[in-house]
Protein backbone atom coordinates (compact mmCIF):
# COMPACT_ATOMS: atom_id res chain seq x y z
CA UNK A 1 0.00 0.00 0.00
CA UNK A 2 1.31 3.39 -0.88
CA UNK A 3 0.87 6.65 0.98
CA UNK A 4 -2.13 7.78 -1.10
CA UNK A 5 -4.18 4.66 -0.38
CA UNK A 6 -3.53 5.01 3.33
CA UNK A 7 -4.62 8.66 3.27
CA UNK A 8 -7.82 7.81 1.35
CA UNK A 9 -8.58 5.00 3.80
CA UNK A 10 -8.02 7.37 6.73
CA UNK A 11 -10.31 10.00 5.22
CA UNK A 12 -13.03 7.42 4.61
CA UNK A 13 -12.77 6.23 8.21
CA UNK A 14 -12.89 9.83 9.48
CA UNK A 15 -16.00 10.67 7.44
CA UNK A 16 -17.68 7.45 8.55
CA UNK A 17 -16.90 8.16 12.22
CA UNK A 18 -18.09 11.75 12.03
CA UNK A 19 -21.26 10.62 10.26
CA UNK A 20 -21.99 8.09 13.00
CA UNK A 21 -21.55 10.75 15.68
CA UNK A 22 -23.85 13.13 13.79
CA UNK A 23 -26.52 10.44 13.39
CA UNK A 24 -26.25 9.55 17.09
CA UNK A 25 -26.67 13.20 18.11
CA UNK A 26 -29.72 13.63 15.86
CA UNK A 27 -31.32 10.49 17.34
CA UNK A 28 -30.49 11.63 20.88
CA UNK A 29 -32.04 15.08 20.33
CA UNK A 30 -35.14 13.46 18.86
CA UNK A 31 -35.43 11.13 21.85
CA UNK A 32 -35.10 14.07 24.23
CA UNK A 33 -37.89 15.93 22.41
CA UNK A 34 -40.13 12.84 22.62
CA UNK A 35 -39.38 12.49 26.35
CA UNK A 36 -40.18 16.17 26.88
CA UNK A 37 -43.59 15.75 25.28
CA UNK A 38 -44.27 12.46 27.05
CA UNK A 39 -43.34 13.76 30.52
CA UNK A 40 -44.95 17.20 30.26
CA UNK A 41 -48.17 16.08 32.08
CA UNK A 42 -46.08 14.98 35.08
CA UNK A 43 -44.24 18.30 35.45
CA UNK A 44 -46.83 19.55 37.93
CA UNK A 45 -46.00 16.70 40.33
CA UNK A 46 -42.55 18.11 41.04
CA UNK A 47 -41.93 20.61 43.81
CA UNK A 48 -41.24 24.15 42.64
CA UNK A 49 -37.58 25.17 42.92
CA UNK A 50 -36.57 26.83 46.16
CA UNK A 51 -36.17 30.60 46.08
CA UNK A 52 -32.62 31.87 46.21
CA UNK A 53 -31.66 33.56 49.49
CA UNK A 54 -31.63 37.34 49.41
CA UNK A 55 -28.21 38.97 49.13
CA UNK A 56 -27.08 41.62 51.54
CA UNK A 57 -27.02 45.03 49.94
CA UNK A 58 -24.67 46.55 52.53
CA UNK A 59 -21.26 45.36 51.47
CA UNK A 60 -19.48 48.50 52.68
CA UNK A 61 -18.94 47.16 56.23
CA UNK A 62 -17.53 43.95 54.79
CA UNK A 63 -15.28 45.93 52.46
CA UNK A 64 -14.05 48.03 55.37
CA UNK A 65 -13.13 44.89 57.35
CA UNK A 66 -11.33 43.45 54.35
CA UNK A 67 -9.40 46.69 53.82
CA UNK A 68 -8.38 46.73 57.50
CA UNK A 69 -7.10 43.16 57.30
CA UNK A 70 -5.17 43.94 54.12
CA UNK A 71 -3.63 47.03 55.71
CA UNK A 72 -2.58 45.02 58.79
CA UNK A 73 -0.93 42.39 56.60
CA UNK A 74 0.96 45.01 54.61
CA UNK A 75 2.09 46.77 57.79
CA UNK A 76 3.31 43.51 59.26
CA UNK A 77 5.19 42.59 56.07
CA UNK A 78 6.93 46.01 56.02
CA UNK A 79 8.14 45.58 59.64
CA UNK A 80 9.87 42.27 58.82
C-alpha atoms as a PDB file:
ATOM      1  CA  UNK A   1       0.000   0.000   0.000  1.00  0.00           C
ATOM      2  CA  UNK A   2       1.311   3.390  -0.882  1.00  0.00           C
ATOM      3  CA  UNK A   3       0.869   6.647   0.976  1.00  0.00           C
ATOM      4  CA  UNK A   4      -2.134   7.782  -1.105  1.00  0.00           C
ATOM      5  CA  UNK A   5      -4.176   4.659  -0.384  1.00  0.00           C
ATOM      6  CA  UNK A   6      -3.529   5.012   3.330  1.00  0.00           C
ATOM      7  CA  UNK A   7      -4.624   8.661   3.266  1.00  0.00           C
ATOM      8  CA  UNK A   8      -7.820   7.811   1.347  1.00  0.00           C
ATOM      9  CA  UNK A   9      -8.580   5.005   3.804  1.00  0.00           C
ATOM     10  CA  UNK A  10      -8.023   7.372   6.728  1.00  0.00           C
ATOM     11  CA  UNK A  11     -10.306   9.996   5.223  1.00  0.00           C
ATOM     12  CA  UNK A  12     -13.030   7.417   4.605  1.00  0.00           C
ATOM     13  CA  UNK A  13     -12.767   6.231   8.210  1.00  0.00           C
ATOM     14  CA  UNK A  14     -12.895   9.834   9.484  1.00  0.00           C
ATOM     15  CA  UNK A  15     -16.001  10.673   7.443  1.00  0.00           C
ATOM     16  CA  UNK A  16     -17.679   7.445   8.555  1.00  0.00           C
ATOM     17  CA  UNK A  17     -16.903   8.157  12.215  1.00  0.00           C
ATOM     18  CA  UNK A  18     -18.086  11.749  12.026  1.00  0.00           C
ATOM     19  CA  UNK A  19     -21.255  10.618  10.264  1.00  0.00           C
ATOM     20  CA  UNK A  20     -21.985   8.095  12.995  1.00  0.00           C
ATOM     21  CA  UNK A  21     -21.546  10.750  15.678  1.00  0.00           C
ATOM     22  CA  UNK A  22     -23.847  13.134  13.789  1.00  0.00           C
ATOM     23  CA  UNK A  23     -26.523  10.444  13.386  1.00  0.00           C
ATOM     24  CA  UNK A  24     -26.254   9.554  17.085  1.00  0.00           C
ATOM     25  CA  UNK A  25     -26.670  13.202  18.112  1.00  0.00           C
ATOM     26  CA  UNK A  26     -29.722  13.629  15.860  1.00  0.00           C
ATOM     27  CA  UNK A  27     -31.317  10.495  17.340  1.00  0.00           C
ATOM     28  CA  UNK A  28     -30.487  11.633  20.883  1.00  0.00           C
ATOM     29  CA  UNK A  29     -32.038  15.081  20.332  1.00  0.00           C
ATOM     30  CA  UNK A  30     -35.143  13.457  18.858  1.00  0.00           C
ATOM     31  CA  UNK A  31     -35.428  11.126  21.847  1.00  0.00           C
ATOM     32  CA  UNK A  32     -35.096  14.072  24.230  1.00  0.00           C
ATOM     33  CA  UNK A  33     -37.889  15.927  22.415  1.00  0.00           C
ATOM     34  CA  UNK A  34     -40.131  12.836  22.618  1.00  0.00           C
ATOM     35  CA  UNK A  35     -39.384  12.485  26.350  1.00  0.00           C
ATOM     36  CA  UNK A  36     -40.179  16.167  26.880  1.00  0.00           C
ATOM     37  CA  UNK A  37     -43.589  15.755  25.276  1.00  0.00           C
ATOM     38  CA  UNK A  38     -44.273  12.460  27.052  1.00  0.00           C
ATOM     39  CA  UNK A  39     -43.337  13.758  30.520  1.00  0.00           C
ATOM     40  CA  UNK A  40     -44.949  17.200  30.264  1.00  0.00           C
ATOM     41  CA  UNK A  41     -48.165  16.079  32.078  1.00  0.00           C
ATOM     42  CA  UNK A  42     -46.080  14.977  35.077  1.00  0.00           C
ATOM     43  CA  UNK A  43     -44.242  18.300  35.453  1.00  0.00           C
ATOM     44  CA  UNK A  44     -46.835  19.545  37.931  1.00  0.00           C
ATOM     45  CA  UNK A  45     -45.999  16.698  40.332  1.00  0.00           C
ATOM     46  CA  UNK A  46     -42.553  18.110  41.040  1.00  0.00           C
ATOM     47  CA  UNK A  47     -41.933  20.614  43.813  1.00  0.00           C
ATOM     48  CA  UNK A  48     -41.241  24.155  42.644  1.00  0.00           C
ATOM     49  CA  UNK A  49     -37.577  25.173  42.916  1.00  0.00           C
ATOM     50  CA  UNK A  50     -36.570  26.831  46.165  1.00  0.00           C
ATOM     51  CA  UNK A  51     -36.174  30.599  46.083  1.00  0.00           C
ATOM     52  CA  UNK A  52     -32.619  31.874  46.213  1.00  0.00           C
ATOM     53  CA  UNK A  53     -31.658  33.558  49.493  1.00  0.00           C
ATOM     54  CA  UNK A  54     -31.626  37.344  49.414  1.00  0.00           C
ATOM     55  CA  UNK A  55     -28.209  38.967  49.127  1.00  0.00           C
ATOM     56  CA  UNK A  56     -27.082  41.621  51.536  1.00  0.00           C
ATOM     57  CA  UNK A  57     -27.017  45.029  49.937  1.00  0.00           C
ATOM     58  CA  UNK A  58     -24.669  46.546  52.528  1.00  0.00           C
ATOM     59  CA  UNK A  59     -21.258  45.356  51.468  1.00  0.00           C
ATOM     60  CA  UNK A  60     -19.479  48.496  52.682  1.00  0.00           C
ATOM     61  CA  UNK A  61     -18.938  47.156  56.230  1.00  0.00           C
ATOM     62  CA  UNK A  62     -17.528  43.948  54.792  1.00  0.00           C
ATOM     63  CA  UNK A  63     -15.284  45.935  52.460  1.00  0.00           C
ATOM     64  CA  UNK A  64     -14.049  48.026  55.370  1.00  0.00           C
ATOM     65  CA  UNK A  65     -13.135  44.895  57.345  1.00  0.00           C
ATOM     66  CA  UNK A  66     -11.328  43.446  54.346  1.00  0.00           C
ATOM     67  CA  UNK A  67      -9.399  46.693  53.824  1.00  0.00           C
ATOM     68  CA  UNK A  68      -8.384  46.732  57.498  1.00  0.00           C
ATOM     69  CA  UNK A  69      -7.105  43.165  57.299  1.00  0.00           C
ATOM     70  CA  UNK A  70      -5.166  43.937  54.120  1.00  0.00           C
ATOM     71  CA  UNK A  71      -3.630  47.030  55.713  1.00  0.00           C
ATOM     72  CA  UNK A  72      -2.585  45.021  58.790  1.00  0.00           C
ATOM     73  CA  UNK A  73      -0.935  42.387  56.599  1.00  0.00           C
ATOM     74  CA  UNK A  74       0.955  45.009  54.613  1.00  0.00           C
ATOM     75  CA  UNK A  75       2.085  46.772  57.791  1.00  0.00           C
ATOM     76  CA  UNK A  76       3.315  43.506  59.264  1.00  0.00           C
ATOM     77  CA  UNK A  77       5.186  42.594  56.070  1.00  0.00           C
ATOM     78  CA  UNK A  78       6.932  46.007  56.023  1.00  0.00           C
ATOM     79  CA  UNK A  79       8.140  45.575  59.638  1.00  0.00           C
ATOM     80  CA  UNK A  80       9.869  42.271  58.821  1.00  0.00           C
END
